[in-house]
C-alpha atoms as a PDB file:
ATOM      1  CA  MET A   1       5.119   9.836  34.898  1.00  0.00           C
ATOM      2  CA  ASN A   2       5.469  10.547  31.544  1.00  0.00           C
ATOM      3  CA  ASP A   3       6.484  13.714  29.975  1.00  0.00           C
ATOM      4  CA  LYS A   4       3.049  15.076  30.032  1.00  0.00           C
ATOM      5  CA  GLY A   5       2.634  14.390  33.780  1.00  0.00           C
ATOM      6  CA  GLU A   6       0.355  11.760  33.500  1.00  0.00           C
ATOM      7  CA  ILE A   7       0.768   8.667  35.525  1.00  0.00           C
ATOM      8  CA  VAL A   8       1.534   5.860  33.166  1.00  0.00           C
ATOM      9  CA  GLN A   9       3.120   3.165  35.920  1.00  0.00           C
ATOM     10  CA  LYS A  10       1.964   1.906  38.992  1.00  0.00           C
ATOM     11  CA  TYR A  11       3.975  -0.705  40.508  1.00  0.00           C
ATOM     12  CA  ARG A  12       4.047  -3.280  43.541  1.00  0.00           C
ATOM     13  CA  LYS A  13       6.877  -4.021  45.520  1.00  0.00           C
ATOM     14  CA  ILE A  14       8.069  -7.505  44.324  1.00  0.00           C
ATOM     15  CA  MET A  15      10.058  -8.008  47.563  1.00  0.00           C
ATOM     16  CA  PRO A  16       8.547  -6.675  50.770  1.00  0.00           C
ATOM     17  CA  TRP A  17      11.662  -6.265  53.402  1.00  0.00           C
ATOM     18  CA  VAL A  18      12.124  -9.225  55.873  1.00  0.00           C
ATOM     19  CA  PRO A  19      10.867  -9.177  58.507  1.00  0.00           C
ATOM     20  CA  ILE A  20       9.686  -5.139  58.836  1.00  0.00           C
ATOM     21  CA  GLU A  21       7.274  -4.830  55.616  1.00  0.00           C
ATOM     22  CA  GLY A  22       4.507  -7.007  56.337  1.00  0.00           C
ATOM     23  CA  TRP A  23       2.337  -6.803  53.388  1.00  0.00           C
ATOM     24  CA  TYR A  24       1.642  -9.344  50.078  1.00  0.00           C
ATOM     25  CA  PRO A  25       4.775  -8.907  47.526  1.00  0.00           C
ATOM     26  CA  GLY A  26       3.862  -7.810  44.163  1.00  0.00           C
ATOM     27  CA  ASN A  27       3.853 -10.290  41.208  1.00  0.00           C
ATOM     28  CA  CYS A  28       5.194  -8.308  38.268  1.00  0.00           C
ATOM     29  CA  THR A  29       7.729  -5.685  36.818  1.00  0.00           C
ATOM     30  CA  TYR A  30       6.450  -2.555  34.280  1.00  0.00           C
ATOM     31  CA  VAL A  31       7.789  -0.855  31.168  1.00  0.00           C
ATOM     32  CA  SER A  32       6.359   2.218  30.300  1.00  0.00           C
ATOM     33  CA  ASP A  33       6.833   5.500  27.917  1.00  0.00           C
ATOM     34  CA  GLY A  34       8.740   7.556  30.215  1.00  0.00           C
ATOM     35  CA  PRO A  35       9.800  11.379  29.092  1.00  0.00           C
ATOM     36  CA  LYS A  36      10.782  11.988  25.661  1.00  0.00           C
ATOM     37  CA  GLY A  37       9.858   8.228  24.976  1.00  0.00           C
ATOM     38  CA  MET A  38      12.478   6.867  26.973  1.00  0.00           C
ATOM     39  CA  LYS A  39      11.118   3.546  28.518  1.00  0.00           C
ATOM     40  CA  VAL A  40      11.262   3.396  32.019  1.00  0.00           C
ATOM     41  CA  SER A  41      10.848   1.063  34.912  1.00  0.00           C
ATOM     42  CA  LEU A  42      10.022   1.129  38.628  1.00  0.00           C
ATOM     43  CA  ILE A  43      11.641  -1.054  41.242  1.00  0.00           C
ATOM     44  CA  ILE A  44      11.354  -0.493  44.785  1.00  0.00           C
ATOM     45  CA  CYS A  45      14.031  -0.198  47.682  1.00  0.00           C
ATOM     46  CA  ASP A  46      15.022  -3.861  48.717  1.00  0.00           C
ATOM     47  CA  ASP A  47      13.714  -5.582  45.223  1.00  0.00           C
ATOM     48  CA  GLY A  48      16.691  -3.584  43.739  1.00  0.00           C
ATOM     49  CA  ASN A  49      18.814  -6.440  45.886  1.00  0.00           C
ATOM     50  CA  PHE A  50      17.967  -9.367  43.562  1.00  0.00           C
ATOM     51  CA  PRO A  51      19.607  -9.047  39.995  1.00  0.00           C
ATOM     52  CA  GLU A  52      16.861 -11.138  38.813  1.00  0.00           C
ATOM     53  CA  ILE A  53      14.248  -7.961  38.811  1.00  0.00           C
ATOM     54  CA  TRP A  54      16.777  -5.745  36.881  1.00  0.00           C
ATOM     55  CA  ARG A  55      17.309  -7.912  34.481  1.00  0.00           C
ATOM     56  CA  ASP A  56      13.525  -8.861  33.852  1.00  0.00           C
ATOM     57  CA  CYS A  57      13.011  -4.716  33.334  1.00  0.00           C
ATOM     58  CA  ALA A  58      15.653  -4.744  31.287  1.00  0.00           C
ATOM     59  CA  MET A  59      14.554  -7.509  29.101  1.00  0.00           C
ATOM     60  CA  LYS A  60      10.900  -5.877  28.670  1.00  0.00           C
ATOM     61  CA  GLY A  61      12.923  -3.436  27.429  1.00  0.00           C
ATOM     62  CA  ALA A  62      13.575  -0.553  29.915  1.00  0.00           C
ATOM     63  CA  GLU A  63      16.531   2.134  28.874  1.00  0.00           C
ATOM     64  CA  LEU A  64      16.157   3.736  32.310  1.00  0.00           C
ATOM     65  CA  ILE A  65      15.201   1.993  35.791  1.00  0.00           C
ATOM     66  CA  VAL A  66      14.506   4.157  38.420  1.00  0.00           C
ATOM     67  CA  ARG A  67      15.402   2.817  42.243  1.00  0.00           C
ATOM     68  CA  CYS A  68      13.360   4.493  44.868  1.00  0.00           C
ATOM     69  CA  GLN A  69      14.626   3.440  48.166  1.00  0.00           C
ATOM     70  CA  GLY A  70      14.686   4.240  51.886  1.00  0.00           C
ATOM     71  CA  TYR A  71      18.161   2.599  52.879  1.00  0.00           C
ATOM     72  CA  MET A  72      20.041   3.131  55.909  1.00  0.00           C
ATOM     73  CA  TYR A  73      23.483   2.044  57.136  1.00  0.00           C
ATOM     74  CA  PRO A  74      25.118   0.094  57.753  1.00  0.00           C
ATOM     75  CA  ALA A  75      24.484  -0.912  53.793  1.00  0.00           C
ATOM     76  CA  LYS A  76      25.804   2.154  52.190  1.00  0.00           C
ATOM     77  CA  GLU A  77      28.453   0.817  50.408  1.00  0.00           C
ATOM     78  CA  GLN A  78      26.784  -2.224  49.203  1.00  0.00           C
ATOM     79  CA  GLN A  79      23.516   0.049  48.301  1.00  0.00           C
ATOM     80  CA  ILE A  80      26.197   1.852  45.986  1.00  0.00           C
ATOM     81  CA  LEU A  81      27.889  -0.920  44.525  1.00  0.00           C
ATOM     82  CA  ILE A  82      24.829  -3.281  43.400  1.00  0.00           C
ATOM     83  CA  SER A  83      23.168   0.277  41.353  1.00  0.00           C
ATOM     84  CA  LYS A  84      26.363   0.496  39.537  1.00  0.00           C
ATOM     85  CA  ALA A  85      26.713  -2.781  38.885  1.00  0.00           C
ATOM     86  CA  MET A  86      22.887  -3.669  37.621  1.00  0.00           C
ATOM     87  CA  ALA A  87      23.169  -0.401  35.269  1.00  0.00           C
ATOM     88  CA  TRP A  88      26.667  -1.827  33.486  1.00  0.00           C
ATOM     89  CA  ALA A  89      25.157  -5.564  33.807  1.00  0.00           C
ATOM     90  CA  ASN A  90      21.985  -4.614  32.334  1.00  0.00           C
ATOM     91  CA  ASN A  91      22.959  -1.944  29.895  1.00  0.00           C
ATOM     92  CA  VAL A  92      20.850   0.366  31.641  1.00  0.00           C
ATOM     93  CA  TYR A  93      20.755   4.069  32.752  1.00  0.00           C
ATOM     94  CA  VAL A  94      19.965   3.611  36.451  1.00  0.00           C
ATOM     95  CA  ALA A  95      18.493   6.540  38.598  1.00  0.00           C
ATOM     96  CA  VAL A  96      18.676   5.919  42.281  1.00  0.00           C
ATOM     97  CA  ALA A  97      16.700   8.268  44.573  1.00  0.00           C
ATOM     98  CA  ASN A  98      17.091   7.083  48.540  1.00  0.00           C
ATOM     99  CA  ALA A  99      16.688   8.876  51.717  1.00  0.00           C
ATOM    100  CA  ALA A 100      18.921  11.143  53.810  1.00  0.00           C
ATOM    101  CA  GLY A 101      19.082  11.566  57.624  1.00  0.00           C
ATOM    102  CA  PHE A 102      17.660  10.636  60.138  1.00  0.00           C
ATOM    103  CA  ASP A 103      14.034   9.594  61.315  1.00  0.00           C
ATOM    104  CA  GLY A 104      14.189   8.998  65.303  1.00  0.00           C
ATOM    105  CA  VAL A 105      14.807   5.407  64.140  1.00  0.00           C
ATOM    106  CA  TYR A 106      17.393   5.024  61.425  1.00  0.00           C
ATOM    107  CA  SER A 107      20.041   7.145  59.867  1.00  0.00           C
ATOM    108  CA  TYR A 108      19.715   7.006  56.276  1.00  0.00           C
ATOM    109  CA  PHE A 109      22.809   7.489  53.804  1.00  0.00           C
ATOM    110  CA  GLY A 110      22.153   9.363  51.255  1.00  0.00           C
ATOM    111  CA  HIS A 111      23.895   9.111  48.202  1.00  0.00           C
ATOM    112  CA  SER A 112      21.080   9.284  45.403  1.00  0.00           C
ATOM    113  CA  ALA A 113      22.556   9.165  41.775  1.00  0.00           C
ATOM    114  CA  ILE A 114      22.143   9.270  38.205  1.00  0.00           C
ATOM    115  CA  ILE A 115      24.138   6.307  36.605  1.00  0.00           C
ATOM    116  CA  GLY A 116      24.677   5.829  33.202  1.00  0.00           C
ATOM    117  CA  PHE A 117      24.589   2.004  31.270  1.00  0.00           C
ATOM    118  CA  ASP A 118      28.178   1.786  31.476  1.00  0.00           C
ATOM    119  CA  GLY A 119      28.047   1.618  35.083  1.00  0.00           C
ATOM    120  CA  ARG A 120      29.688   5.122  35.438  1.00  0.00           C
ATOM    121  CA  SER A 121      28.473   7.945  37.893  1.00  0.00           C
ATOM    122  CA  LEU A 122      26.927  10.615  35.706  1.00  0.00           C
ATOM    123  CA  GLY A 123      25.453  12.361  39.023  1.00  0.00           C
ATOM    124  CA  GLU A 124      25.590  11.600  42.676  1.00  0.00           C
ATOM    125  CA  THR A 125      24.425  13.467  45.910  1.00  0.00           C
ATOM    126  CA  GLY A 126      26.398  13.241  48.988  1.00  0.00           C
ATOM    127  CA  GLU A 127      24.920  12.725  52.451  1.00  0.00           C
ATOM    128  CA  GLU A 128      23.209  15.746  52.782  1.00  0.00           C
ATOM    129  CA  GLU A 129      19.765  16.478  53.406  1.00  0.00           C
ATOM    130  CA  TYR A 130      17.718  17.731  49.939  1.00  0.00           C
ATOM    131  CA  GLY A 131      20.615  17.010  47.747  1.00  0.00           C
ATOM    132  CA  ILE A 132      20.028  17.436  44.139  1.00  0.00           C
ATOM    133  CA  GLN A 133      21.701  16.156  41.140  1.00  0.00           C
ATOM    134  CA  TYR A 134      21.289  15.884  37.650  1.00  0.00           C
ATOM    135  CA  ALA A 135      22.527  14.560  34.137  1.00  0.00           C
ATOM    136  CA  GLN A 136      21.714  14.165  30.554  1.00  0.00           C
ATOM    137  CA  LEU A 137      20.477  10.604  29.029  1.00  0.00           C
ATOM    138  CA  SER A 138      20.281   9.821  25.765  1.00  0.00           C
ATOM    139  CA  LYS A 139      18.078   7.457  24.081  1.00  0.00           C
ATOM    140  CA  THR A 140      19.834   7.398  20.881  1.00  0.00           C
ATOM    141  CA  LEU A 141      23.235   6.284  22.807  1.00  0.00           C
ATOM    142  CA  ILE A 142      21.568   3.823  24.536  1.00  0.00           C
ATOM    143  CA  ARG A 143      19.635   2.091  21.967  1.00  0.00           C
ATOM    144  CA  ASP A 144      22.949   2.150  19.295  1.00  0.00           C
ATOM    145  CA  ALA A 145      24.945   0.412  22.245  1.00  0.00           C
ATOM    146  CA  ARG A 146      22.366  -2.175  23.086  1.00  0.00           C
ATOM    147  CA  ARG A 147      22.305  -2.482  18.922  1.00  0.00           C
ATOM    148  CA  THR A 148      25.406  -2.841  18.042  1.00  0.00           C
ATOM    149  CA  GLY A 149      27.595  -2.912  21.019  1.00  0.00           C
ATOM    150  CA  GLN A 150      29.690  -6.188  21.324  1.00  0.00           C
ATOM    151  CA  SER A 151      32.249  -7.269  24.390  1.00  0.00           C
ATOM    152  CA  GLN A 152      29.881  -4.757  26.810  1.00  0.00           C
ATOM    153  CA  ASN A 153      26.635  -6.236  25.033  1.00  0.00           C
ATOM    154  CA  HIS A 154      25.403  -8.165  28.048  1.00  0.00           C
ATOM    155  CA  LEU A 155      21.869  -8.086  26.946  1.00  0.00           C
ATOM    156  CA  PHE A 156      22.087  -9.360  23.419  1.00  0.00           C
ATOM    157  CA  LYS A 157      25.200 -11.890  24.127  1.00  0.00           C
ATOM    158  CA  LEU A 158      22.529 -13.183  27.033  1.00  0.00           C
ATOM    159  CA  VAL A 159      20.630 -14.768  23.998  1.00  0.00           C
ATOM    160  CA  HIS A 160      22.646 -15.280  21.359  1.00  0.00           C
ATOM    161  CA  ARG A 161      25.119 -17.021  23.482  1.00  0.00           C
ATOM    162  CA  GLY A 162      28.683 -17.538  21.550  1.00  0.00           C
ATOM    163  CA  TYR A 163      27.472 -15.959  18.444  1.00  0.00           C
ATOM    164  CA  THR A 164      31.082 -14.891  17.299  1.00  0.00           C
ATOM    165  CA  GLY A 165      31.982 -18.731  17.131  1.00  0.00           C
ATOM    166  CA  MET A 166      28.726 -19.565  15.473  1.00  0.00           C
ATOM    167  CA  ILE A 167      29.884 -16.898  13.039  1.00  0.00           C
ATOM    168  CA  ASN A 168      33.394 -18.397  12.467  1.00  0.00           C
ATOM    169  CA  SER A 169      32.236 -21.833  12.238  1.00  0.00           C
ATOM    170  CA  GLY A 170      29.800 -20.809   9.048  1.00  0.00           C
ATOM    171  CA  GLU A 171      26.889 -21.553  10.794  1.00  0.00           C
ATOM    172  CA  SER A 172      25.167 -18.208  11.514  1.00  0.00           C
ATOM    173  CA  ALA A 173      24.937 -15.115  13.065  1.00  0.00           C
ATOM    174  CA  ARG A 174      22.508 -15.996  15.988  1.00  0.00           C
ATOM    175  CA  GLY A 175      24.219 -18.165  18.555  1.00  0.00           C
ATOM    176  CA  ARG A 176      22.203 -20.290  21.037  1.00  0.00           C
ATOM    177  CA  ARG A 177      19.279 -18.478  22.469  1.00  0.00           C
ATOM    178  CA  GLY A 178      18.406 -20.916  25.684  1.00  0.00           C
ATOM    179  CA  LEU A 179      19.978 -20.599  28.784  1.00  0.00           C
ATOM    180  CA  PRO A 180      21.279 -23.383  30.625  1.00  0.00           C
ATOM    181  CA  LEU A 181      20.593 -22.076  33.816  1.00  0.00           C
ATOM    182  CA  ARG A 182      17.552 -23.600  35.469  1.00  0.00           C
ATOM    183  CA  PHE A 183      17.876 -22.022  39.333  1.00  0.00           C
ATOM    184  CA  SER A 184      14.514 -21.358  39.638  1.00  0.00           C
ATOM    185  CA  THR A 185      12.092 -23.949  37.899  1.00  0.00           C
ATOM    186  CA  ARG A 186      14.943 -26.873  39.173  1.00  0.00           C
ATOM    187  CA  THR A 187      12.939 -28.603  41.943  1.00  0.00           C
ATOM    188  CA  GLY A 188      15.978 -30.789  42.705  1.00  0.00           C
ATOM    189  CA  SER A 189      18.091 -27.424  43.224  1.00  0.00           C
ATOM    190  CA  PRO A 190      19.850 -27.885  47.085  1.00  0.00           C
ATOM    191  CA  ILE A 191      18.497 -24.000  47.852  1.00  0.00           C
ATOM    192  CA  ARG A 192      15.035 -25.120  46.764  1.00  0.00           C
ATOM    193  CA  LYS A 193      15.398 -28.277  48.453  1.00  0.00           C
ATOM    194  CA  ALA A 194      16.281 -26.727  51.897  1.00  0.00           C
ATOM    195  CA  HIS A 195      13.861 -23.896  51.259  1.00  0.00           C
ATOM    196  CA  ALA A 196      11.192 -26.229  50.904  1.00  0.00           C
ATOM    197  CA  LYS A 197      12.285 -28.219  54.339  1.00  0.00           C
ATOM    198  CA  TRP A 198      12.269 -24.749  56.097  1.00  0.00           C
ATOM    199  CA  SER A 199       8.605 -23.762  54.624  1.00  0.00           C
ATOM    200  CA  ARG A 200       7.323 -27.555  56.174  1.00  0.00           C
ATOM    201  CA  ARG A 201       8.430 -26.479  59.877  1.00  0.00           C
END
């Protein structure tokens, strides 16, 4: 929702949780203007275990990624870690809303959090039910960091690989744009071959 209370984004989970969630997956991420013009993406639960989904949101311009989830034990440490790591790797604010308590089947560990774009916690609840935290997020700060940051500016470096070397050689300040990573398109990769063989069974 934006700061007028209007719904500006509807999102279908890309990675339904196997084997429990028996529904069709979504096919894209979205970025919308959120409160005060901050660019916001939503991802749901298991989507947050795939770095590619976080990166897609960030590369589309998301400044805040909201992850609503219902994660239970024993995945507490991993879930706390992944959101901080993805905030830092993608130079993006992260807000995690996780379930807490017991629903008769699962015990949820809480730890909803607001994380800075440098991966540091700005606010985090514990395992209590109805925990509340808040933090101030700055559009100016994140936009300046993305525009002028150097060693931690992961999004810029991703599409300007080795730009300092090219500056030093007198070529340009643009670096290399293409990525030599083809895991998702290479039909000959060992993982894709194994998956293709499995799916034919």
